[in-house]
PDB file of N, CA and C in Angstrom:
ATOM      1  N   MET A   1     107.490  15.899 -69.422  1.00  0.00           N
ATOM      2  CA  MET A   1     107.035  16.147 -68.073  1.00  0.00           C
ATOM      3  C   MET A   1     107.874  15.366 -67.061  1.00  0.00           C
ATOM      4  N   ALA A   2     108.230  14.123 -67.383  1.00  0.00           N
ATOM      5  CA  ALA A   2     108.998  13.295 -66.452  1.00  0.00           C
ATOM      6  C   ALA A   2     110.434  13.789 -66.319  1.00  0.00           C
ATOM      7  N   LEU A   3     110.966  14.380 -67.387  1.00  0.00           N
ATOM      8  CA  LEU A   3     112.341  14.873 -67.322  1.00  0.00           C
ATOM      9  C   LEU A   3     112.473  16.080 -66.409  1.00  0.00           C
ATOM     10  N   GLN A   4     111.412  16.844 -66.244  1.00  0.00           N
ATOM     11  CA  GLN A   4     111.461  18.010 -65.367  1.00  0.00           C
ATOM     12  C   GLN A   4     111.664  17.610 -63.906  1.00  0.00           C
ATOM     13  N   GLU A   5     111.223  16.422 -63.537  1.00  0.00           N
ATOM     14  CA  GLU A   5     111.411  15.952 -62.170  1.00  0.00           C
ATOM     15  C   GLU A   5     112.880  15.657 -61.877  1.00  0.00           C
ATOM     16  N   PHE A   6     113.633  15.279 -62.917  1.00  0.00           N
ATOM     17  CA  PHE A   6     115.035  14.940 -62.742  1.00  0.00           C
ATOM     18  C   PHE A   6     115.960  16.119 -63.007  1.00  0.00           C
ATOM     19  N   ALA A   7     115.439  17.248 -63.371  1.00  0.00           N
ATOM     20  CA  ALA A   7     116.259  18.427 -63.677  1.00  0.00           C
ATOM     21  C   ALA A   7     117.103  18.868 -62.478  1.00  0.00           C
ATOM     22  N   PRO A   8     116.571  18.925 -61.249  1.00  0.00           N
ATOM     23  CA  PRO A   8     117.431  19.320 -60.123  1.00  0.00           C
ATOM     24  C   PRO A   8     118.613  18.374 -59.909  1.00  0.00           C
ATOM     25  N   ILE A   9     118.394  17.087 -60.135  1.00  0.00           N
ATOM     26  CA  ILE A   9     119.481  16.119 -59.985  1.00  0.00           C
ATOM     27  C   ILE A   9     120.543  16.360 -61.058  1.00  0.00           C
ATOM     28  N   GLY A  10     120.108  16.629 -62.285  1.00  0.00           N
ATOM     29  CA  GLY A  10     121.050  16.924 -63.358  1.00  0.00           C
ATOM     30  C   GLY A  10     121.849  18.184 -63.084  1.00  0.00           C
ATOM     31  N   VAL A  11     121.177  19.206 -62.564  1.00  0.00           N
ATOM     32  CA  VAL A  11     121.871  20.456 -62.226  1.00  0.00           C
ATOM     33  C   VAL A  11     122.887  20.197 -61.118  1.00  0.00           C
ATOM     34  N   LEU A  12     122.518  19.405 -60.118  1.00  0.00           N
ATOM     35  CA  LEU A  12     123.424  19.089 -59.027  1.00  0.00           C
ATOM     36  C   LEU A  12     124.650  18.325 -59.525  1.00  0.00           C
ATOM     37  N   ILE A  13     124.454  17.346 -60.393  1.00  0.00           N
ATOM     38  CA  ILE A  13     125.576  16.586 -60.949  1.00  0.00           C
ATOM     39  C   ILE A  13     126.478  17.495 -61.770  1.00  0.00           C
ATOM     40  N   LEU A  14     125.877  18.343 -62.599  1.00  0.00           N
ATOM     41  CA  LEU A  14     126.661  19.277 -63.406  1.00  0.00           C
ATOM     42  C   LEU A  14     127.444  20.244 -62.522  1.00  0.00           C
ATOM     43  N   LEU A  15     126.821  20.751 -61.488  1.00  0.00           N
ATOM     44  CA  LEU A  15     127.492  21.657 -60.566  1.00  0.00           C
ATOM     45  C   LEU A  15     128.650  20.959 -59.851  1.00  0.00           C
ATOM     46  N   ALA A  16     128.452  19.718 -59.452  1.00  0.00           N
ATOM     47  CA  ALA A  16     129.515  18.959 -58.776  1.00  0.00           C
ATOM     48  C   ALA A  16     130.704  18.744 -59.708  1.00  0.00           C
ATOM     49  N   ILE A  17     130.440  18.433 -60.964  1.00  0.00           N
ATOM     50  CA  ILE A  17     131.523  18.238 -61.935  1.00  0.00           C
ATOM     51  C   ILE A  17     132.283  19.541 -62.158  1.00  0.00           C
ATOM     52  N   ILE A  18     131.552  20.645 -62.283  1.00  0.00           N
ATOM     53  CA  ILE A  18     132.200  21.947 -62.505  1.00  0.00           C
ATOM     54  C   ILE A  18     133.065  22.321 -61.303  1.00  0.00           C
ATOM     55  N   VAL A  19     132.557  22.142 -60.089  1.00  0.00           N
ATOM     56  CA  VAL A  19     133.330  22.478 -58.892  1.00  0.00           C
ATOM     57  C   VAL A  19     134.569  21.595 -58.793  1.00  0.00           C
ATOM     58  N   ALA A  20     134.433  20.307 -59.067  1.00  0.00           N
ATOM     59  CA  ALA A  20     135.581  19.396 -58.997  1.00  0.00           C
ATOM     60  C   ALA A  20     136.648  19.798 -60.008  1.00  0.00           C
ATOM     61  N   LEU A  21     136.239  20.088 -61.230  1.00  0.00           N
ATOM     62  CA  LEU A  21     137.213  20.507 -62.249  1.00  0.00           C
ATOM     63  C   LEU A  21     137.860  21.840 -61.877  1.00  0.00           C
ATOM     64  N   LEU A  22     137.083  22.755 -61.341  1.00  0.00           N
ATOM     65  CA  LEU A  22     137.611  24.060 -60.958  1.00  0.00           C
ATOM     66  C   LEU A  22     138.632  23.930 -59.828  1.00  0.00           C
ATOM     67  N   VAL A  23     138.316  23.162 -58.804  1.00  0.00           N
ATOM     68  CA  VAL A  23     139.233  22.991 -57.680  1.00  0.00           C
ATOM     69  C   VAL A  23     140.518  22.310 -58.127  1.00  0.00           C
ATOM     70  N   ASN A  24     140.412  21.269 -58.931  1.00  0.00           N
ATOM     71  CA  ASN A  24     141.608  20.579 -59.413  1.00  0.00           C
ATOM     72  C   ASN A  24     142.451  21.477 -60.305  1.00  0.00           C
ATOM     73  N   SER A  25     141.810  22.246 -61.159  1.00  0.00           N
ATOM     74  CA  SER A  25     142.552  23.146 -62.045  1.00  0.00           C
ATOM     75  C   SER A  25     143.270  24.230 -61.249  1.00  0.00           C
ATOM     76  N   LEU A  26     142.585  24.816 -60.272  1.00  0.00           N
ATOM     77  CA  LEU A  26     143.204  25.857 -59.466  1.00  0.00           C
ATOM     78  C   LEU A  26     144.371  25.319 -58.639  1.00  0.00           C
ATOM     79  N   SER A  27     144.220  24.147 -58.082  1.00  0.00           N
ATOM     80  CA  SER A  27     145.323  23.584 -57.295  1.00  0.00           C
ATOM     81  C   SER A  27     146.510  23.244 -58.188  1.00  0.00           C
ATOM     82  N   TRP A  28     146.248  22.827 -59.415  1.00  0.00           N
ATOM     83  CA  TRP A  28     147.336  22.517 -60.343  1.00  0.00           C
ATOM     84  C   TRP A  28     148.038  23.796 -60.794  1.00  0.00           C
ATOM     85  N   LEU A  29     147.257  24.844 -61.040  1.00  0.00           N
ATOM     86  CA  LEU A  29     147.840  26.108 -61.497  1.00  0.00           C
ATOM     87  C   LEU A  29     148.553  26.872 -60.382  1.00  0.00           C
ATOM     88  N   LEU A  30     147.950  26.930 -59.209  1.00  0.00           N
ATOM     89  CA  LEU A  30     148.474  27.771 -58.141  1.00  0.00           C
ATOM     90  C   LEU A  30     149.344  27.030 -57.126  1.00  0.00           C
ATOM     91  N   GLY A  31     149.243  25.742 -57.091  1.00  0.00           N
ATOM     92  CA  GLY A  31     149.975  24.967 -56.086  1.00  0.00           C
ATOM     93  C   GLY A  31     151.439  24.807 -56.442  1.00  0.00           C
ATOM     94  N   PRO A  32     152.294  24.644 -55.420  1.00  0.00           N
ATOM     95  CA  PRO A  32     153.719  24.444 -55.683  1.00  0.00           C
ATOM     96  C   PRO A  32     153.967  23.040 -56.236  1.00  0.00           C
ATOM     97  N   PHE A  33     154.911  22.961 -57.148  1.00  0.00           N
ATOM     98  CA  PHE A  33     155.262  21.668 -57.728  1.00  0.00           C
ATOM     99  C   PHE A  33     156.778  21.598 -57.781  1.00  0.00           C
ATOM    100  N   LYS A  34     157.358  21.090 -56.697  1.00  0.00           N
ATOM    101  CA  LYS A  34     158.806  20.969 -56.601  1.00  0.00           C
ATOM    102  C   LYS A  34     159.148  19.548 -56.177  1.00  0.00           C
ATOM    103  N   PRO A  35     159.092  18.600 -57.110  1.00  0.00           N
ATOM    104  CA  PRO A  35     159.381  17.217 -56.729  1.00  0.00           C
ATOM    105  C   PRO A  35     160.869  17.031 -56.416  1.00  0.00           C
ATOM    106  N   THR A  36     161.126  16.265 -55.386  1.00  0.00           N
ATOM    107  CA  THR A  36     162.492  15.883 -55.047  1.00  0.00           C
ATOM    108  C   THR A  36     162.518  14.367 -54.893  1.00  0.00           C
ATOM    109  N   GLU A  37     163.724  13.838 -54.817  1.00  0.00           N
ATOM    110  CA  GLU A  37     163.855  12.378 -54.671  1.00  0.00           C
ATOM    111  C   GLU A  37     163.259  11.925 -53.345  1.00  0.00           C
ATOM    112  N   ARG A  38     163.434  12.751 -52.322  1.00  0.00           N
ATOM    113  CA  ARG A  38     162.924  12.402 -51.001  1.00  0.00           C
ATOM    114  C   ARG A  38     161.393  12.423 -50.972  1.00  0.00           C
ATOM    115  N   LYS A  39     160.782  13.395 -51.649  1.00  0.00           N
ATOM    116  CA  LYS A  39     159.320  13.468 -51.695  1.00  0.00           C
ATOM    117  C   LYS A  39     158.724  12.322 -52.501  1.00  0.00           C
ATOM    118  N   SER A  40     159.450  11.842 -53.501  1.00  0.00           N
ATOM    119  CA  SER A  40     158.941  10.780 -54.365  1.00  0.00           C
ATOM    120  C   SER A  40     159.134   9.390 -53.771  1.00  0.00           C
ATOM    121  N   ALA A  41     159.908   9.287 -52.695  1.00  0.00           N
ATOM    122  CA  ALA A  41     160.183   7.981 -52.093  1.00  0.00           C
ATOM    123  C   ALA A  41     158.956   7.476 -51.344  1.00  0.00           C
ATOM    124  N   PRO A  42     158.743   6.153 -51.312  1.00  0.00           N
ATOM    125  CA  PRO A  42     157.626   5.605 -50.537  1.00  0.00           C
ATOM    126  C   PRO A  42     157.852   5.839 -49.048  1.00  0.00           C
ATOM    127  N   TYR A  43     156.767   6.019 -48.319  1.00  0.00           N
ATOM    128  CA  TYR A  43     156.837   6.343 -46.890  1.00  0.00           C
ATOM    129  C   TYR A  43     156.236   5.205 -46.083  1.00  0.00           C
ATOM    130  N   GLU A  44     157.017   4.693 -45.143  1.00  0.00           N
ATOM    131  CA  GLU A  44     156.529   3.637 -44.260  1.00  0.00           C
ATOM    132  C   GLU A  44     156.860   4.007 -42.817  1.00  0.00           C
ATOM    133  N   SER A  45     156.089   4.850 -42.227  1.00  0.00           N
ATOM    134  CA  SER A  45     156.220   5.242 -40.827  1.00  0.00           C
ATOM    135  C   SER A  45     157.616   5.774 -40.506  1.00  0.00           C
ATOM    136  N   GLY A  46     158.207   6.509 -41.417  1.00  0.00           N
ATOM    137  CA  GLY A  46     159.502   7.118 -41.175  1.00  0.00           C
ATOM    138  C   GLY A  46     160.679   6.184 -41.362  1.00  0.00           C
ATOM    139  N   MET A  47     160.422   4.943 -41.757  1.00  0.00           N
ATOM    140  CA  MET A  47     161.505   3.982 -41.952  1.00  0.00           C
ATOM    141  C   MET A  47     161.715   3.750 -43.450  1.00  0.00           C
ATOM    142  N   LYS A  48     162.897   3.302 -43.803  1.00  0.00           N
ATOM    143  CA  LYS A  48     163.145   2.953 -45.197  1.00  0.00           C
ATOM    144  C   LYS A  48     162.353   1.693 -45.518  1.00  0.00           C
ATOM    145  N   PRO A  49     161.709   1.655 -46.686  1.00  0.00           N
ATOM    146  CA  PRO A  49     160.894   0.482 -47.024  1.00  0.00           C
ATOM    147  C   PRO A  49     161.744  -0.771 -47.185  1.00  0.00           C
ATOM    148  N   ILE A  50     161.161  -1.883 -46.766  1.00  0.00           N
ATOM    149  CA  ILE A  50     161.830  -3.174 -46.879  1.00  0.00           C
ATOM    150  C   ILE A  50     161.129  -3.971 -47.968  1.00  0.00           C
ATOM    151  N   GLY A  51     161.856  -4.388 -48.958  1.00  0.00           N
ATOM    152  CA  GLY A  51     161.290  -5.196 -50.028  1.00  0.00           C
ATOM    153  C   GLY A  51     160.580  -4.345 -51.069  1.00  0.00           C
ATOM    154  N   PRO A  52     160.026  -4.992 -52.078  1.00  0.00           N
ATOM    155  CA  PRO A  52     159.363  -4.250 -53.154  1.00  0.00           C
ATOM    156  C   PRO A  52     158.034  -3.644 -52.690  1.00  0.00           C
ATOM    157  N   GLY A  53     157.610  -2.621 -53.390  1.00  0.00           N
ATOM    158  CA  GLY A  53     156.345  -1.972 -53.053  1.00  0.00           C
ATOM    159  C   GLY A  53     155.142  -2.817 -53.428  1.00  0.00           C
ATOM    160  N   THR A  54     155.292  -3.674 -54.402  1.00  0.00           N
ATOM    161  CA  THR A  54     154.197  -4.568 -54.800  1.00  0.00           C
ATOM    162  C   THR A  54     154.588  -5.997 -54.459  1.00  0.00           C
ATOM    163  N   ARG A  55     153.676  -6.702 -53.861  1.00  0.00           N
ATOM    164  CA  ARG A  55     153.923  -8.111 -53.558  1.00  0.00           C
ATOM    165  C   ARG A  55     152.631  -8.890 -53.759  1.00  0.00           C
ATOM    166  N   ARG A  56     152.778 -10.154 -53.880  1.00  0.00           N
ATOM    167  CA  ARG A  56     151.617 -11.009 -54.129  1.00  0.00           C
ATOM    168  C   ARG A  56     150.780 -11.122 -52.867  1.00  0.00           C
ATOM    169  N   MET A  57     149.489 -10.937 -53.046  1.00  0.00           N
ATOM    170  CA  MET A  57     148.563 -11.069 -51.925  1.00  0.00           C
ATOM    171  C   MET A  57     147.857 -12.421 -52.045  1.00  0.00           C
ATOM    172  N   PRO A  58     147.671 -13.091 -50.933  1.00  0.00           N
ATOM    173  CA  PRO A  58     146.942 -14.358 -51.004  1.00  0.00           C
ATOM    174  C   PRO A  58     145.498 -14.139 -51.472  1.00  0.00           C
ATOM    175  N   VAL A  59     144.983 -15.119 -52.166  1.00  0.00           N
ATOM    176  CA  VAL A  59     143.613 -15.047 -52.669  1.00  0.00           C
ATOM    177  C   VAL A  59     142.623 -15.008 -51.516  1.00  0.00           C
ATOM    178  N   LYS A  60     143.030 -15.467 -50.356  1.00  0.00           N
ATOM    179  CA  LYS A  60     142.163 -15.515 -49.185  1.00  0.00           C
ATOM    180  C   LYS A  60     141.580 -14.134 -48.853  1.00  0.00           C
ATOM    181  N   PHE A  61     142.397 -13.088 -48.983  1.00  0.00           N
ATOM    182  CA  PHE A  61     141.922 -11.742 -48.687  1.00  0.00           C
ATOM    183  C   PHE A  61     140.779 -11.354 -49.627  1.00  0.00           C
ATOM    184  N   TYR A  62     140.949 -11.658 -50.913  1.00  0.00           N
ATOM    185  CA  TYR A  62     139.919 -11.319 -51.889  1.00  0.00           C
ATOM    186  C   TYR A  62     138.667 -12.159 -51.671  1.00  0.00           C
ATOM    187  N   LEU A  63     138.847 -13.413 -51.321  1.00  0.00           N
ATOM    188  CA  LEU A  63     137.709 -14.296 -51.089  1.00  0.00           C
ATOM    189  C   LEU A  63     136.872 -13.799 -49.906  1.00  0.00           C
ATOM    190  N   VAL A  64     137.533 -13.424 -48.824  1.00  0.00           N
ATOM    191  CA  VAL A  64     136.814 -12.916 -47.663  1.00  0.00           C
ATOM    192  C   VAL A  64     136.091 -11.619 -48.011  1.00  0.00           C
ATOM    193  N   ALA A  65     136.742 -10.747 -48.790  1.00  0.00           N
ATOM    194  CA  ALA A  65     136.113  -9.475 -49.176  1.00  0.00           C
ATOM    195  C   ALA A  65     134.880  -9.715 -50.042  1.00  0.00           C
ATOM    196  N   VAL A  66     134.988 -10.615 -51.000  1.00  0.00           N
ATOM    197  CA  VAL A  66     133.848 -10.909 -51.886  1.00  0.00           C
ATOM    198  C   VAL A  66     132.712 -11.550 -51.099  1.00  0.00           C
ATOM    199  N   LEU A  67     133.031 -12.464 -50.203  1.00  0.00           N
ATOM    200  CA  LEU A  67     131.991 -13.094 -49.381  1.00  0.00           C
ATOM    201  C   LEU A  67     131.299 -12.066 -48.498  1.00  0.00           C
ATOM    202  N   PHE A  68     132.067 -11.136 -47.939  1.00  0.00           N
ATOM    203  CA  PHE A  68     131.463 -10.094 -47.122  1.00  0.00           C
ATOM    204  C   PHE A  68     130.493  -9.264 -47.947  1.00  0.00           C
ATOM    205  N   ILE A  69     130.900  -8.872 -49.141  1.00  0.00           N
ATOM    206  CA  ILE A  69     130.040  -8.051 -49.992  1.00  0.00           C
ATOM    207  C   ILE A  69     128.782  -8.820 -50.383  1.00  0.00           C
ATOM    208  N   ILE A  70     128.943 -10.079 -50.749  1.00  0.00           N
ATOM    209  CA  ILE A  70     127.782 -10.880 -51.160  1.00  0.00           C
ATOM    210  C   ILE A  70     126.772 -11.003 -50.012  1.00  0.00           C
ATOM    211  N   PHE A  71     127.238 -11.396 -48.834  1.00  0.00           N
ATOM    212  CA  PHE A  71     126.317 -11.569 -47.715  1.00  0.00           C
ATOM    213  C   PHE A  71     125.773 -10.230 -47.237  1.00  0.00           C
ATOM    214  N   ASP A  72     126.566  -9.175 -47.332  1.00  0.00           N
ATOM    215  CA  ASP A  72     126.102  -7.856 -46.928  1.00  0.00           C
ATOM    216  C   ASP A  72     124.985  -7.372 -47.848  1.00  0.00           C
ATOM    217  N   VAL A  73     125.147  -7.563 -49.143  1.00  0.00           N
ATOM    218  CA  VAL A  73     124.110  -7.149 -50.101  1.00  0.00           C
ATOM    219  C   VAL A  73     122.847  -7.976 -49.898  1.00  0.00           C
ATOM    220  N   GLU A  74     122.994  -9.242 -49.604  1.00  0.00           N
ATOM    221  CA  GLU A  74     121.809 -10.072 -49.386  1.00  0.00           C
ATOM    222  C   GLU A  74     121.067  -9.658 -48.123  1.00  0.00           C
ATOM    223  N   VAL A  75     121.780  -9.243 -47.108  1.00  0.00           N
ATOM    224  CA  VAL A  75     121.129  -8.820 -45.861  1.00  0.00           C
ATOM    225  C   VAL A  75     120.370  -7.513 -46.069  1.00  0.00           C
ATOM    226  N   ILE A  76     120.774  -6.706 -47.041  1.00  0.00           N
ATOM    227  CA  ILE A  76     120.068  -5.453 -47.333  1.00  0.00           C
ATOM    228  C   ILE A  76     118.609  -5.723 -47.697  1.00  0.00           C
ATOM    229  N   PHE A  77     118.320  -6.880 -48.256  1.00  0.00           N
ATOM    230  CA  PHE A  77     116.955  -7.202 -48.658  1.00  0.00           C
ATOM    231  C   PHE A  77     116.019  -7.390 -47.456  1.00  0.00           C
ATOM    232  N   PHE A  78     116.560  -7.526 -46.256  1.00  0.00           N
ATOM    233  CA  PHE A  78     115.715  -7.708 -45.084  1.00  0.00           C
ATOM    234  C   PHE A  78     114.979  -6.434 -44.695  1.00  0.00           C
ATOM    235  N   LEU A  79     115.558  -5.271 -44.907  1.00  0.00           N
ATOM    236  CA  LEU A  79     114.925  -4.026 -44.480  1.00  0.00           C
ATOM    237  C   LEU A  79     113.606  -3.758 -45.202  1.00  0.00           C
ATOM    238  N   PRO A  80     113.566  -3.776 -46.544  1.00  0.00           N
ATOM    239  CA  PRO A  80     112.269  -3.543 -47.192  1.00  0.00           C
ATOM    240  C   PRO A  80     111.238  -4.614 -46.821  1.00  0.00           C
ATOM    241  N   TRP A  81     111.707  -5.835 -46.656  1.00  0.00           N
ATOM    242  CA  TRP A  81     110.796  -6.908 -46.268  1.00  0.00           C
ATOM    243  C   TRP A  81     110.215  -6.640 -44.882  1.00  0.00           C
ATOM    244  N   ALA A  82     111.051  -6.191 -43.940  1.00  0.00           N
ATOM    245  CA  ALA A  82     110.574  -5.930 -42.591  1.00  0.00           C
ATOM    246  C   ALA A  82     109.605  -4.755 -42.560  1.00  0.00           C
ATOM    247  N   VAL A  83     109.825  -3.772 -43.418  1.00  0.00           N
ATOM    248  CA  VAL A  83     108.937  -2.608 -43.452  1.00  0.00           C
ATOM    249  C   VAL A  83     107.558  -2.996 -43.995  1.00  0.00           C
ATOM    250  N   LYS A  84     107.515  -3.839 -44.996  1.00  0.00           N
ATOM    251  CA  LYS A  84     106.255  -4.211 -45.653  1.00  0.00           C
ATOM    252  C   LYS A  84     105.722  -5.578 -45.211  1.00  0.00           C
ATOM    253  N   LEU A  85     106.206  -6.093 -44.088  1.00  0.00           N
ATOM    254  CA  LEU A  85     105.835  -7.446 -43.665  1.00  0.00           C
ATOM    255  C   LEU A  85     104.327  -7.601 -43.478  1.00  0.00           C
ATOM    256  N   ARG A  86     103.666  -6.643 -42.845  1.00  0.00           N
ATOM    257  CA  ARG A  86     102.221  -6.760 -42.607  1.00  0.00           C
ATOM    258  C   ARG A  86     101.434  -6.786 -43.914  1.00  0.00           C
ATOM    259  N   GLU A  87     101.872  -6.001 -44.896  1.00  0.00           N
ATOM    260  CA  GLU A  87     101.177  -5.976 -46.189  1.00  0.00           C
ATOM    261  C   GLU A  87     101.413  -7.254 -46.982  1.00  0.00           C
ATOM    262  N   LEU A  88     102.591  -7.851 -46.843  1.00  0.00           N
ATOM    263  CA  LEU A  88     102.913  -9.066 -47.604  1.00  0.00           C
ATOM    264  C   LEU A  88     102.228 -10.300 -47.047  1.00  0.00           C
ATOM    265  N   GLY A  89     102.005 -10.322 -45.759  1.00  0.00           N
ATOM    266  CA  GLY A  89     101.293 -11.436 -45.134  1.00  0.00           C
ATOM    267  C   GLY A  89     102.091 -12.720 -45.136  1.00  0.00           C
ATOM    268  N   VAL A  90     101.372 -13.824 -45.231  1.00  0.00           N
ATOM    269  CA  VAL A  90     101.980 -15.154 -45.172  1.00  0.00           C
ATOM    270  C   VAL A  90     102.867 -15.394 -46.393  1.00  0.00           C
ATOM    271  N   TYR A  91     102.442 -14.892 -47.547  1.00  0.00           N
ATOM    272  CA  TYR A  91     103.248 -15.065 -48.769  1.00  0.00           C
ATOM    273  C   TYR A  91     104.634 -14.442 -48.591  1.00  0.00           C
ATOM    274  N   GLY A  92     104.682 -13.233 -48.046  1.00  0.00           N
ATOM    275  CA  GLY A  92     105.968 -12.572 -47.807  1.00  0.00           C
ATOM    276  C   GLY A  92     106.812 -13.313 -46.796  1.00  0.00           C
ATOM    277  N   LEU A  93     106.181 -13.864 -45.771  1.00  0.00           N
ATOM    278  CA  LEU A  93     106.906 -14.627 -44.760  1.00  0.00           C
ATOM    279  C   LEU A  93     107.513 -15.890 -45.363  1.00  0.00           C
ATOM    280  N   ILE A  94     106.741 -16.597 -46.191  1.00  0.00           N
ATOM    281  CA  ILE A  94     107.249 -17.819 -46.832  1.00  0.00           C
ATOM    282  C   ILE A  94     108.358 -17.481 -47.812  1.00  0.00           C
ATOM    283  N   THR A  95     108.177 -16.415 -48.596  1.00  0.00           N
ATOM    284  CA  THR A  95     109.194 -16.014 -49.570  1.00  0.00           C
ATOM    285  C   THR A  95     110.505 -15.662 -48.870  1.00  0.00           C
ATOM    286  N   MET A  96     110.425 -14.904 -47.780  1.00  0.00           N
ATOM    287  CA  MET A  96     111.639 -14.552 -47.054  1.00  0.00           C
ATOM    288  C   MET A  96     112.231 -15.775 -46.367  1.00  0.00           C
ATOM    289  N   GLY A  97     111.400 -16.697 -45.956  1.00  0.00           N
ATOM    290  CA  GLY A  97     111.910 -17.946 -45.387  1.00  0.00           C
ATOM    291  C   GLY A  97     112.724 -18.729 -46.392  1.00  0.00           C
ATOM    292  N   VAL A  98     112.230 -18.793 -47.633  1.00  0.00           N
ATOM    293  CA  VAL A  98     112.975 -19.479 -48.701  1.00  0.00           C
ATOM    294  C   VAL A  98     114.291 -18.744 -48.964  1.00  0.00           C
ATOM    295  N   PHE A  99     114.231 -17.418 -49.029  1.00  0.00           N
ATOM    296  CA  PHE A  99     115.435 -16.616 -49.251  1.00  0.00           C
ATOM    297  C   PHE A  99     116.440 -16.843 -48.123  1.00  0.00           C
ATOM    298  N   LEU A 100     115.964 -16.831 -46.885  1.00  0.00           N
ATOM    299  CA  LEU A 100     116.844 -17.040 -45.737  1.00  0.00           C
ATOM    300  C   LEU A 100     117.418 -18.456 -45.745  1.00  0.00           C
ATOM    301  N   PHE A 101     116.646 -19.427 -46.178  1.00  0.00           N
ATOM    302  CA  PHE A 101     117.139 -20.801 -46.276  1.00  0.00           C
ATOM    303  C   PHE A 101     118.269 -20.897 -47.299  1.00  0.00           C
ATOM    304  N   ILE A 102     118.081 -20.285 -48.469  1.00  0.00           N
ATOM    305  CA  ILE A 102     119.127 -20.298 -49.507  1.00  0.00           C
ATOM    306  C   ILE A 102     120.374 -19.573 -49.004  1.00  0.00           C
ATOM    307  N   LEU A 103     120.187 -18.453 -48.317  1.00  0.00           N
ATOM    308  CA  LEU A 103     121.306 -17.705 -47.755  1.00  0.00           C
ATOM    309  C   LEU A 103     122.053 -18.542 -46.718  1.00  0.00           C
ATOM    310  N   THR A 104     121.316 -19.260 -45.880  1.00  0.00           N
ATOM    311  CA  THR A 104     121.935 -20.105 -44.861  1.00  0.00           C
ATOM    312  C   THR A 104     122.678 -21.272 -45.480  1.00  0.00           C
ATOM    313  N   VAL A 105     122.124 -21.869 -46.530  1.00  0.00           N
ATOM    314  CA  VAL A 105     122.803 -22.970 -47.208  1.00  0.00           C
ATOM    315  C   VAL A 105     124.133 -22.487 -47.797  1.00  0.00           C
ATOM    316  N   GLY A 106     124.125 -21.300 -48.413  1.00  0.00           N
ATOM    317  CA  GLY A 106     125.365 -20.733 -48.951  1.00  0.00           C
ATOM    318  C   GLY A 106     126.379 -20.449 -47.860  1.00  0.00           C
ATOM    319  N   PHE A 107     125.913 -19.929 -46.731  1.00  0.00           N
ATOM    320  CA  PHE A 107     126.804 -19.632 -45.617  1.00  0.00           C
ATOM    321  C   PHE A 107     127.412 -20.911 -45.049  1.00  0.00           C
ATOM    322  N   VAL A 108     126.596 -21.938 -44.863  1.00  0.00           N
ATOM    323  CA  VAL A 108     127.096 -23.213 -44.330  1.00  0.00           C
ATOM    324  C   VAL A 108     128.081 -23.842 -45.313  1.00  0.00           C
ATOM    325  N   TYR A 109     127.807 -23.757 -46.610  1.00  0.00           N
ATOM    326  CA  TYR A 109     128.719 -24.283 -47.621  1.00  0.00           C
ATOM    327  C   TYR A 109     130.082 -23.601 -47.528  1.00  0.00           C
ATOM    328  N   GLU A 110     130.080 -22.269 -47.438  1.00  0.00           N
ATOM    329  CA  GLU A 110     131.345 -21.538 -47.327  1.00  0.00           C
ATOM    330  C   GLU A 110     132.062 -21.877 -46.024  1.00  0.00           C
ATOM    331  N   TRP A 111     131.309 -22.079 -44.972  1.00  0.00           N
ATOM    332  CA  TRP A 111     131.896 -22.426 -43.681  1.00  0.00           C
ATOM    333  C   TRP A 111     132.559 -23.796 -43.755  1.00  0.00           C
ATOM    334  N   LYS A 112     131.866 -24.771 -44.359  1.00  0.00           N
ATOM    335  CA  LYS A 112     132.406 -26.129 -44.476  1.00  0.00           C
ATOM    336  C   LYS A 112     133.620 -26.183 -45.404  1.00  0.00           C
ATOM    337  N   LYS A 113     133.639 -25.330 -46.428  1.00  0.00           N
ATOM    338  CA  LYS A 113     134.778 -25.300 -47.351  1.00  0.00           C
ATOM    339  C   LYS A 113     135.996 -24.623 -46.713  1.00  0.00           C
ATOM    340  N   GLY A 114     135.796 -23.954 -45.582  1.00  0.00           N
ATOM    341  CA  GLY A 114     136.898 -23.299 -44.896  1.00  0.00           C
ATOM    342  C   GLY A 114     137.210 -21.914 -45.409  1.00  0.00           C
ATOM    343  N   ALA A 115     136.278 -21.319 -46.159  1.00  0.00           N
ATOM    344  CA  ALA A 115     136.521 -20.000 -46.731  1.00  0.00           C
ATOM    345  C   ALA A 115     136.513 -18.919 -45.661  1.00  0.00           C
ATOM    346  N   LEU A 116     135.918 -19.188 -44.513  1.00  0.00           N
ATOM    347  CA  LEU A 116     135.833 -18.181 -43.458  1.00  0.00           C
ATOM    348  C   LEU A 116     136.942 -18.336 -42.414  1.00  0.00           C
ATOM    349  N   GLU A 117     137.804 -19.336 -42.585  1.00  0.00           N
ATOM    350  CA  GLU A 117     138.901 -19.547 -41.641  1.00  0.00           C
ATOM    351  C   GLU A 117     140.008 -18.548 -41.914  1.00  0.00           C
ATOM    352  N   TRP A 118     140.516 -17.948 -40.864  1.00  0.00           N
ATOM    353  CA  TRP A 118     141.601 -16.971 -41.001  1.00  0.00           C
ATOM    354  C   TRP A 118     142.858 -17.590 -40.412  1.00  0.00           C
ATOM    355  N   GLU A 119     143.871 -17.732 -41.245  1.00  0.00           N
ATOM    356  CA  GLU A 119     145.103 -18.413 -40.801  1.00  0.00           C
ATOM    357  C   GLU A 119     146.241 -17.452 -40.661  1.00  0.00           C
TER     358      GLU A 119
END
């Protein structure tokens, strides 16, 4: 009985996979494929590329991206809490206060370590 509720989702996923495979197959079969040296060259705003295509990226970029994702995911928890705040009462307010305190401590720690500085 429970699987019948998920049947439309399964049909939709199956249909999406079939359409994706069909479109890719048709474009591969019917599309032109004439590679040239000029088409295979990297493109940088109409100019010849300077230096290698791959270079080392500072860890700072990854650190900022990970911090953004972490804090962004934590902020997502505020919406359900705000919707159910009246039902949760004082317990919900205290629980979210503790959560917000831990979030603030983490933010201040990252700020003091200089992880948010952009140089």
